[in-house]
């Protein structure tokens, strides 16, 4: 990935989840990352093949084939036809929020969590304290000058599919993910929990 300096869309998470050899092969190419960077920076309005080829020295055929694969693997989606400006006919590609920066949970394990009701129970118990913590974190970022540059841009880049700002969702997702990581990897309380369950030693 390129440096985020000077970009319109802030970056909080910097990885793609890879769940197949096809995805690994596609993401192993530098041109894919360059193309994805342009799509991401275009925000909710998306970007055309012509725009990408004009900004990068990448043959149009490579851009088309890469976008075809990114679309097939659901890394990007087409800007809805009904929401385009009148007379606009060119396809515009938008970065799909559900694939940028998110971990993938094993499908069988996820199904077990859902069917057993465990996932719903954990989510219900965490919802209120997590929302309060995110509210507090957001206020902290807004009131401290050195943190304010990380605040997502407001009232722009609203996704035409999910009606939300992907940038804002990634901001909160990254904040929560880092907090959970800290609690699990660096917490003495969690270490004691593992010791008690027989998954760690003193």
Protein backbone atom coordinates (compact mmCIF):
# COMPACT_ATOMS: atom_id res chain seq x y z
CA UNK A 1 0.00 0.00 0.00
CA UNK A 2 1.11 3.55 -0.59
CA UNK A 3 1.55 6.09 2.15
CA UNK A 4 -1.73 7.59 3.29
CA UNK A 5 -0.20 11.07 3.32
CA UNK A 6 -2.22 13.46 1.21
CA UNK A 7 -5.04 11.03 0.60
CA UNK A 8 -8.72 11.98 0.69
CA UNK A 9 -9.84 8.79 2.39
CA UNK A 10 -8.07 7.96 5.64
CA UNK A 11 -6.67 4.47 6.15
CA UNK A 12 -7.09 2.72 9.49
CA UNK A 13 -6.67 -0.92 8.50
CA UNK A 14 -4.08 -2.09 6.02
CA UNK A 15 -4.78 -5.66 5.03
CA UNK A 16 -7.05 -7.76 2.90
CA UNK A 17 -8.41 -11.08 4.15
CA UNK A 18 -7.41 -13.85 1.76
CA UNK A 19 -9.51 -17.00 1.69
CA UNK A 20 -8.52 -18.66 -1.60
CA UNK A 21 -5.59 -19.21 -3.95
CA UNK A 22 -7.39 -17.07 -6.53
CA UNK A 23 -7.48 -14.11 -4.13
CA UNK A 24 -3.86 -14.65 -3.14
CA UNK A 25 -2.80 -14.68 -6.78
CA UNK A 26 -4.76 -11.51 -7.57
CA UNK A 27 -3.45 -9.62 -4.54
CA UNK A 28 0.13 -10.69 -5.21
CA UNK A 29 0.26 -8.26 -8.15
CA UNK A 30 1.42 -4.69 -7.61
CA UNK A 31 -1.02 -3.44 -10.25
CA UNK A 32 -3.94 -4.80 -8.20
CA UNK A 33 -2.88 -2.75 -5.19
CA UNK A 34 -2.42 0.36 -7.32
CA UNK A 35 -5.87 -0.08 -8.84
CA UNK A 36 -7.47 -0.79 -5.46
CA UNK A 37 -5.80 2.29 -4.01
CA UNK A 38 -7.48 4.47 -6.64
CA UNK A 39 -10.86 2.83 -6.05
CA UNK A 40 -10.54 3.30 -2.31
CA UNK A 41 -9.54 6.95 -2.68
CA UNK A 42 -12.45 7.61 -5.02
CA UNK A 43 -14.77 6.91 -2.10
CA UNK A 44 -18.47 6.29 -2.50
CA UNK A 45 -18.64 7.93 -5.94
CA UNK A 46 -16.41 5.23 -7.40
CA UNK A 47 -14.01 5.47 -10.31
CA UNK A 48 -14.04 4.48 -13.98
CA UNK A 49 -11.52 2.40 -15.89
CA UNK A 50 -10.67 5.51 -17.91
CA UNK A 51 -9.87 7.46 -14.74
CA UNK A 52 -7.55 4.73 -13.49
CA UNK A 53 -5.69 4.36 -16.79
CA UNK A 54 -5.28 8.13 -17.00
CA UNK A 55 -3.64 8.25 -13.56
CA UNK A 56 -1.56 5.08 -13.79
CA UNK A 57 0.64 3.71 -16.53
CA UNK A 58 -1.31 0.45 -16.59
CA UNK A 59 -2.76 -0.89 -19.87
CA UNK A 60 -6.54 -0.65 -20.04
CA UNK A 61 -6.72 -4.40 -20.69
CA UNK A 62 -4.98 -5.07 -17.36
CA UNK A 63 -7.28 -2.66 -15.52
CA UNK A 64 -10.35 -4.29 -17.05
CA UNK A 65 -9.22 -7.83 -16.22
CA UNK A 66 -8.22 -6.87 -12.67
CA UNK A 67 -11.53 -5.12 -12.03
CA UNK A 68 -13.39 -8.12 -13.43
CA UNK A 69 -11.68 -10.37 -10.88
CA UNK A 70 -12.09 -7.88 -8.01
CA UNK A 71 -15.78 -7.66 -8.83
CA UNK A 72 -16.19 -11.42 -9.06
CA UNK A 73 -14.49 -11.86 -5.68
CA UNK A 74 -16.65 -9.05 -4.20
CA UNK A 75 -13.80 -6.68 -3.42
CA UNK A 76 -15.59 -3.98 -5.39
CA UNK A 77 -19.10 -3.33 -6.63
CA UNK A 78 -20.60 -1.29 -9.46
CA UNK A 79 -22.09 2.09 -8.60
CA UNK A 80 -25.88 1.59 -8.88
CA UNK A 81 -27.21 2.58 -12.29
CA UNK A 82 -30.29 4.26 -10.82
CA UNK A 83 -28.14 6.58 -8.71
CA UNK A 84 -25.87 7.78 -11.51
CA UNK A 85 -26.09 11.30 -12.87
CA UNK A 86 -28.42 11.71 -15.82
CA UNK A 87 -26.77 10.69 -19.06
CA UNK A 88 -23.83 8.95 -17.36
CA UNK A 89 -23.11 5.57 -18.93
CA UNK A 90 -19.62 4.58 -17.86
CA UNK A 91 -19.26 1.94 -15.15
CA UNK A 92 -17.87 3.18 -11.85
CA UNK A 93 -16.31 0.80 -9.37
CA UNK A 94 -16.61 1.29 -5.59
CA UNK A 95 -14.57 -0.38 -2.84
CA UNK A 96 -16.66 -2.90 -0.90
CA UNK A 97 -16.40 -2.19 2.85
CA UNK A 98 -17.00 -5.76 3.91
CA UNK A 99 -13.72 -6.94 2.43
CA UNK A 100 -11.33 -4.13 3.31
CA UNK A 101 -9.44 -4.70 6.52
CA UNK A 102 -11.79 -7.29 7.99
CA UNK A 103 -10.89 -10.65 9.36
CA UNK A 104 -12.61 -13.74 8.01
CA UNK A 105 -14.10 -16.19 10.48
CA UNK A 106 -14.16 -19.86 9.55
CA UNK A 107 -17.65 -20.54 8.20
CA UNK A 108 -18.21 -23.73 10.20
CA UNK A 109 -17.12 -22.06 13.45
CA UNK A 110 -19.26 -19.01 12.70
CA UNK A 111 -22.27 -21.24 12.06
CA UNK A 112 -21.71 -23.02 15.38
CA UNK A 113 -21.60 -19.68 17.21
CA UNK A 114 -24.82 -18.56 15.58
CA UNK A 115 -26.80 -21.79 15.92
CA UNK A 116 -25.82 -22.25 19.57
CA UNK A 117 -26.91 -18.70 20.43
CA UNK A 118 -23.48 -17.92 21.88
CA UNK A 119 -22.76 -15.17 19.37
CA UNK A 120 -26.08 -13.43 20.03
CA UNK A 121 -25.58 -13.63 23.80
CA UNK A 122 -22.03 -12.21 23.67
CA UNK A 123 -23.14 -9.45 21.31
CA UNK A 124 -26.07 -8.47 23.54
CA UNK A 125 -23.84 -8.34 26.61
CA UNK A 126 -21.19 -6.25 24.86
CA UNK A 127 -23.44 -3.88 22.91
CA UNK A 128 -24.06 -1.15 25.54
CA UNK A 129 -20.53 -0.96 27.03
CA UNK A 130 -18.93 -1.09 23.57
CA UNK A 131 -21.16 1.68 22.22
CA UNK A 132 -20.37 3.84 25.27
CA UNK A 133 -16.64 3.21 24.80
CA UNK A 134 -16.80 4.10 21.09
CA UNK A 135 -18.73 7.28 21.90
CA UNK A 136 -16.10 8.26 24.45
CA UNK A 137 -13.25 7.46 22.05
CA UNK A 138 -14.87 9.55 19.31
CA UNK A 139 -15.22 12.50 21.68
CA UNK A 140 -11.57 12.16 22.71
CA UNK A 141 -10.46 12.26 19.07
CA UNK A 142 -12.61 15.32 18.50
CA UNK A 143 -11.33 17.31 21.48
CA UNK A 144 -7.60 16.62 21.20
CA UNK A 145 -5.84 18.52 18.44
CA UNK A 146 -3.20 15.85 17.89
CA UNK A 147 -5.93 13.23 17.37
CA UNK A 148 -8.43 15.23 15.32
CA UNK A 149 -6.65 14.50 12.03
CA UNK A 150 -7.78 10.88 12.34
CA UNK A 151 -11.49 11.74 12.49
CA UNK A 152 -13.33 10.44 9.39
CA UNK A 153 -14.72 13.04 7.00
CA UNK A 154 -18.36 13.80 7.80
CA UNK A 155 -21.33 13.71 5.43
CA UNK A 156 -19.27 12.57 2.46
CA UNK A 157 -18.50 9.26 0.80
CA UNK A 158 -21.77 7.68 1.88
CA UNK A 159 -21.94 4.26 0.23
CA UNK A 160 -24.85 3.95 -2.23
CA UNK A 161 -25.31 0.31 -1.17
CA UNK A 162 -25.17 0.34 2.65
CA UNK A 163 -25.90 4.07 3.17
CA UNK A 164 -22.91 4.40 5.51
CA UNK A 165 -19.45 5.92 5.33
CA UNK A 166 -16.93 3.11 4.80
CA UNK A 167 -14.23 5.41 6.14
CA UNK A 168 -16.12 5.96 9.42
CA UNK A 169 -16.94 2.27 9.77
CA UNK A 170 -13.28 1.38 9.35
CA UNK A 171 -12.31 4.03 11.95
CA UNK A 172 -14.57 2.49 14.60
CA UNK A 173 -13.74 -1.05 13.53
CA UNK A 174 -9.99 -0.38 13.85
CA UNK A 175 -10.45 1.31 17.24
CA UNK A 176 -12.41 -1.63 18.61
CA UNK A 177 -10.17 -4.25 16.98
CA UNK A 178 -7.03 -2.71 18.50
CA UNK A 179 -8.69 -2.58 21.91
CA UNK A 180 -9.72 -6.24 21.74
CA UNK A 181 -6.22 -7.18 20.59
CA UNK A 182 -4.75 -5.31 23.57
CA UNK A 183 -7.08 -7.06 26.00
CA UNK A 184 -6.25 -10.50 24.64
CA UNK A 185 -2.54 -10.29 23.86
CA UNK A 186 -1.33 -7.98 26.63
CA UNK A 187 -3.84 -8.46 29.44
CA UNK A 188 -2.88 -10.17 32.69
CA UNK A 189 -6.56 -10.78 33.35
CA UNK A 190 -6.89 -12.71 30.10
CA UNK A 191 -3.65 -14.59 30.87
CA UNK A 192 -5.13 -15.67 34.21
CA UNK A 193 -8.32 -16.68 32.40
CA UNK A 194 -6.29 -18.94 30.08
CA UNK A 195 -4.33 -20.40 33.00
CA UNK A 196 -7.59 -21.19 34.77
CA UNK A 197 -8.90 -22.98 31.66
CA UNK A 198 -5.66 -24.91 31.15
CA UNK A 199 -4.55 -22.98 28.05
CA UNK A 200 -1.51 -21.24 29.55
CA UNK A 201 1.03 -21.63 32.34
CA UNK A 202 2.00 -19.21 35.09
